Amino acid sequence: MRVLIADDEQIIRFGLKSVLKGLCPNVIINEVESLDNVVSILTELHFDLLILDIQMQGGDELENLIQFLMREVKLVIFSGYEPTSTRIKSLRKAGVDQFIFKSASLEEIKLSLREYFPDRTESLGKQIS
């Protein structure tokens, strides 16, 4: 499985990468810092899952990118916005598969991402606790 993490904060990318490696040690992860970099890397590589920060540079064009990607890749948005905000509603309408809110606990983040690694769910409880 190949995953792209796009966030302008290095510590967030590092944390998400650690969680993903705990879920699936063989996952291939690429990281970028902006929406422009997302578009560039998508022209070169195929990804099974994208985890995008809602607030990164160029994020005001996120809906357009989502509509383009919907058929090809699962998309998770990592967000500091409130779940009921108009921005979240707009992204839901555009077709985001899932939101993970930055207020979530580490266990909630792991549970949210688990579904993208279905062949590993049996033994995950012991491995990532």
C-alpha atoms as a PDB file:
ATOM      1  CA  MET A   1       0.000   0.000   0.000  1.00  0.00           C
ATOM      2  CA  ARG A   2       1.247   3.486  -0.873  1.00  0.00           C
ATOM      3  CA  VAL A   3       0.184   6.513   1.202  1.00  0.00           C
ATOM      4  CA  LEU A   4       0.758  10.226   0.698  1.00  0.00           C
ATOM      5  CA  ILE A   5       0.792  12.469   3.773  1.00  0.00           C
ATOM      6  CA  ALA A   6       0.420  16.159   2.952  1.00  0.00           C
ATOM      7  CA  ASP A   7       0.805  18.612   5.811  1.00  0.00           C
ATOM      8  CA  ASP A   8       2.837  21.770   6.163  1.00  0.00           C
ATOM      9  CA  GLU A   9       3.925  20.804   9.679  1.00  0.00           C
ATOM     10  CA  GLN A  10       6.769  18.298   9.854  1.00  0.00           C
ATOM     11  CA  ILE A  11       5.792  17.050  13.320  1.00  0.00           C
ATOM     12  CA  ILE A  12       2.302  16.153  12.079  1.00  0.00           C
ATOM     13  CA  ARG A  13       3.748  14.246   9.106  1.00  0.00           C
ATOM     14  CA  PHE A  14       6.132  12.424  11.450  1.00  0.00           C
ATOM     15  CA  GLY A  15       3.325  11.483  13.838  1.00  0.00           C
ATOM     16  CA  LEU A  16       1.015  10.243  11.102  1.00  0.00           C
ATOM     17  CA  LYS A  17       3.865   8.307   9.531  1.00  0.00           C
ATOM     18  CA  SER A  18       4.557   6.616  12.881  1.00  0.00           C
ATOM     19  CA  VAL A  19       0.907   5.660  13.290  1.00  0.00           C
ATOM     20  CA  LEU A  20       0.740   4.269   9.748  1.00  0.00           C
ATOM     21  CA  LYS A  21       3.938   2.236  10.208  1.00  0.00           C
ATOM     22  CA  GLY A  22       2.399   0.789  13.373  1.00  0.00           C
ATOM     23  CA  LEU A  23      -0.681  -0.231  11.403  1.00  0.00           C
ATOM     24  CA  CYS A  24       1.239  -1.665   8.467  1.00  0.00           C
ATOM     25  CA  PRO A  25       5.050  -1.891   8.688  1.00  0.00           C
ATOM     26  CA  ASN A  26       5.364  -2.430   4.929  1.00  0.00           C
ATOM     27  CA  VAL A  27       3.403   0.676   3.947  1.00  0.00           C
ATOM     28  CA  ILE A  28       5.202   3.000   1.517  1.00  0.00           C
ATOM     29  CA  ILE A  29       4.817   6.611   2.630  1.00  0.00           C
ATOM     30  CA  ASN A  30       5.602   9.805   0.762  1.00  0.00           C
ATOM     31  CA  GLU A  31       5.355  13.228   2.370  1.00  0.00           C
ATOM     32  CA  VAL A  32       4.742  16.700   0.929  1.00  0.00           C
ATOM     33  CA  GLU A  33       4.192  20.174   2.401  1.00  0.00           C
ATOM     34  CA  SER A  34       1.684  21.863   0.073  1.00  0.00           C
ATOM     35  CA  LEU A  35      -1.215  21.219  -2.239  1.00  0.00           C
ATOM     36  CA  ASP A  36       0.994  22.121  -5.214  1.00  0.00           C
ATOM     37  CA  ASN A  37       3.370  19.345  -4.158  1.00  0.00           C
ATOM     38  CA  VAL A  38       0.409  16.951  -3.907  1.00  0.00           C
ATOM     39  CA  VAL A  39      -0.548  17.678  -7.504  1.00  0.00           C
ATOM     40  CA  SER A  40       3.063  17.281  -8.659  1.00  0.00           C
ATOM     41  CA  ILE A  41       3.626  13.929  -6.980  1.00  0.00           C
ATOM     42  CA  LEU A  42       0.263  12.593  -8.168  1.00  0.00           C
ATOM     43  CA  THR A  43       1.419  13.046 -11.758  1.00  0.00           C
ATOM     44  CA  GLU A  44       4.350  10.710 -11.020  1.00  0.00           C
ATOM     45  CA  LEU A  45       3.028   8.128  -8.543  1.00  0.00           C
ATOM     46  CA  HIS A  46      -0.198   6.294  -7.700  1.00  0.00           C
ATOM     47  CA  PHE A  47      -1.388   6.256  -4.083  1.00  0.00           C
ATOM     48  CA  ASP A  48      -3.986   4.111  -2.359  1.00  0.00           C
ATOM     49  CA  LEU A  49      -4.589   6.633   0.415  1.00  0.00           C
ATOM     50  CA  LEU A  50      -4.061  10.375   0.769  1.00  0.00           C
ATOM     51  CA  ILE A  51      -4.047  12.124   4.138  1.00  0.00           C
ATOM     52  CA  LEU A  52      -4.272  15.865   3.548  1.00  0.00           C
ATOM     53  CA  ASP A  53      -4.185  18.761   5.993  1.00  0.00           C
ATOM     54  CA  ILE A  54      -7.113  21.099   5.515  1.00  0.00           C
ATOM     55  CA  GLN A  55      -5.007  24.200   6.291  1.00  0.00           C
ATOM     56  CA  MET A  56      -1.901  23.776   4.148  1.00  0.00           C
ATOM     57  CA  GLN A  57      -0.762  26.204   1.469  1.00  0.00           C
ATOM     58  CA  GLY A  58      -3.122  26.091  -1.497  1.00  0.00           C
ATOM     59  CA  GLY A  59      -5.837  24.442   0.606  1.00  0.00           C
ATOM     60  CA  ASP A  60      -8.486  26.787  -0.726  1.00  0.00           C
ATOM     61  CA  GLU A  61      -8.421  24.645  -3.893  1.00  0.00           C
ATOM     62  CA  LEU A  62      -8.944  21.398  -1.983  1.00  0.00           C
ATOM     63  CA  GLU A  63     -12.493  20.792  -3.246  1.00  0.00           C
ATOM     64  CA  ASN A  64     -11.296  20.876  -6.867  1.00  0.00           C
ATOM     65  CA  LEU A  65      -8.568  18.343  -6.128  1.00  0.00           C
ATOM     66  CA  ILE A  66     -10.981  16.084  -4.258  1.00  0.00           C
ATOM     67  CA  GLN A  67     -13.415  15.943  -7.149  1.00  0.00           C
ATOM     68  CA  PHE A  68     -10.542  15.030  -9.466  1.00  0.00           C
ATOM     69  CA  LEU A  69      -9.242  12.288  -7.150  1.00  0.00           C
ATOM     70  CA  MET A  70     -12.498  10.743  -5.963  1.00  0.00           C
ATOM     71  CA  ARG A  71     -12.518   7.799  -8.336  1.00  0.00           C
ATOM     72  CA  GLU A  72      -8.896   6.854  -7.870  1.00  0.00           C
ATOM     73  CA  VAL A  73      -7.903   7.094  -4.218  1.00  0.00           C
ATOM     74  CA  LYS A  74      -9.254   7.106  -0.669  1.00  0.00           C
ATOM     75  CA  LEU A  75      -9.002  10.541   0.893  1.00  0.00           C
ATOM     76  CA  VAL A  76      -8.718  11.438   4.574  1.00  0.00           C
ATOM     77  CA  ILE A  77      -8.631  15.073   5.673  1.00  0.00           C
ATOM     78  CA  PHE A  78      -6.738  15.939   8.845  1.00  0.00           C
ATOM     79  CA  SER A  79      -8.404  19.025  10.294  1.00  0.00           C
ATOM     80  CA  GLY A  80      -8.324  21.473  13.152  1.00  0.00           C
ATOM     81  CA  TYR A  81     -11.741  22.827  12.128  1.00  0.00           C
ATOM     82  CA  GLU A  82     -14.858  22.036  14.112  1.00  0.00           C
ATOM     83  CA  PRO A  83     -16.795  19.077  12.651  1.00  0.00           C
ATOM     84  CA  THR A  84     -19.835  21.306  12.066  1.00  0.00           C
ATOM     85  CA  SER A  85     -17.969  24.107  10.247  1.00  0.00           C
ATOM     86  CA  THR A  86     -19.025  25.164   6.764  1.00  0.00           C
ATOM     87  CA  ARG A  87     -15.567  24.212   5.460  1.00  0.00           C
ATOM     88  CA  ILE A  88     -16.011  20.614   6.651  1.00  0.00           C
ATOM     89  CA  LYS A  89     -19.507  20.507   5.140  1.00  0.00           C
ATOM     90  CA  SER A  90     -18.115  21.739   1.820  1.00  0.00           C
ATOM     91  CA  LEU A  91     -15.391  19.088   1.796  1.00  0.00           C
ATOM     92  CA  ARG A  92     -17.876  16.349   2.725  1.00  0.00           C
ATOM     93  CA  LYS A  93     -20.020  17.406  -0.209  1.00  0.00           C
ATOM     94  CA  ALA A  94     -16.937  17.320  -2.472  1.00  0.00           C
ATOM     95  CA  GLY A  95     -16.457  13.648  -1.555  1.00  0.00           C
ATOM     96  CA  VAL A  96     -13.939  13.292   1.278  1.00  0.00           C
ATOM     97  CA  ASP A  97     -13.967   9.703   2.551  1.00  0.00           C
ATOM     98  CA  GLN A  98     -13.156  10.546   6.159  1.00  0.00           C
ATOM     99  CA  PHE A  99     -12.117  13.355   8.492  1.00  0.00           C
ATOM    100  CA  ILE A 100      -9.714  13.018  11.394  1.00  0.00           C
ATOM    101  CA  PHE A 101      -9.845  15.980  13.716  1.00  0.00           C
ATOM    102  CA  LYS A 102      -6.685  17.227  15.378  1.00  0.00           C
ATOM    103  CA  SER A 103      -8.467  17.115  18.723  1.00  0.00           C
ATOM    104  CA  ALA A 104      -8.707  13.306  18.375  1.00  0.00           C
ATOM    105  CA  SER A 105      -6.762  11.088  20.717  1.00  0.00           C
ATOM    106  CA  LEU A 106      -4.006   8.859  19.372  1.00  0.00           C
ATOM    107  CA  GLU A 107      -6.273   5.830  19.796  1.00  0.00           C
ATOM    108  CA  GLU A 108      -9.070   7.536  17.836  1.00  0.00           C
ATOM    109  CA  ILE A 109      -6.637   8.310  15.016  1.00  0.00           C
ATOM    110  CA  LYS A 110      -5.474   4.686  14.940  1.00  0.00           C
ATOM    111  CA  LEU A 111      -9.054   3.419  14.887  1.00  0.00           C
ATOM    112  CA  SER A 112      -9.928   5.799  12.050  1.00  0.00           C
ATOM    113  CA  LEU A 113      -6.998   4.695   9.911  1.00  0.00           C
ATOM    114  CA  ARG A 114      -7.394   0.974  10.668  1.00  0.00           C
ATOM    115  CA  GLU A 115     -10.089   0.520   8.048  1.00  0.00           C
ATOM    116  CA  TYR A 116      -7.586   1.251   5.285  1.00  0.00           C
ATOM    117  CA  PHE A 117      -5.502  -1.759   6.366  1.00  0.00           C
ATOM    118  CA  PRO A 118      -8.192  -4.466   6.616  1.00  0.00           C
ATOM    119  CA  ASP A 119      -5.829  -7.423   6.385  1.00  0.00           C
ATOM    120  CA  ARG A 120      -4.106  -6.265   9.581  1.00  0.00           C
ATOM    121  CA  THR A 121      -7.114  -5.599  11.848  1.00  0.00           C
ATOM    122  CA  GLU A 122      -6.988  -8.944  13.673  1.00  0.00           C
ATOM    123  CA  SER A 123      -3.629  -8.358  15.385  1.00  0.00           C
ATOM    124  CA  LEU A 124      -3.575  -4.581  15.570  1.00  0.00           C
ATOM    125  CA  GLY A 125      -4.837  -4.215  19.102  1.00  0.00           C
ATOM    126  CA  LYS A 126      -1.678  -5.770  20.531  1.00  0.00           C
ATOM    127  CA  GLN A 127       0.761  -4.183  18.092  1.00  0.00           C
ATOM    128  CA  ILE A 128      -0.242  -0.513  18.354  1.00  0.00           C
ATOM    129  CA  SER A 129      -1.370  -0.166  21.949  1.00  0.00           C
END
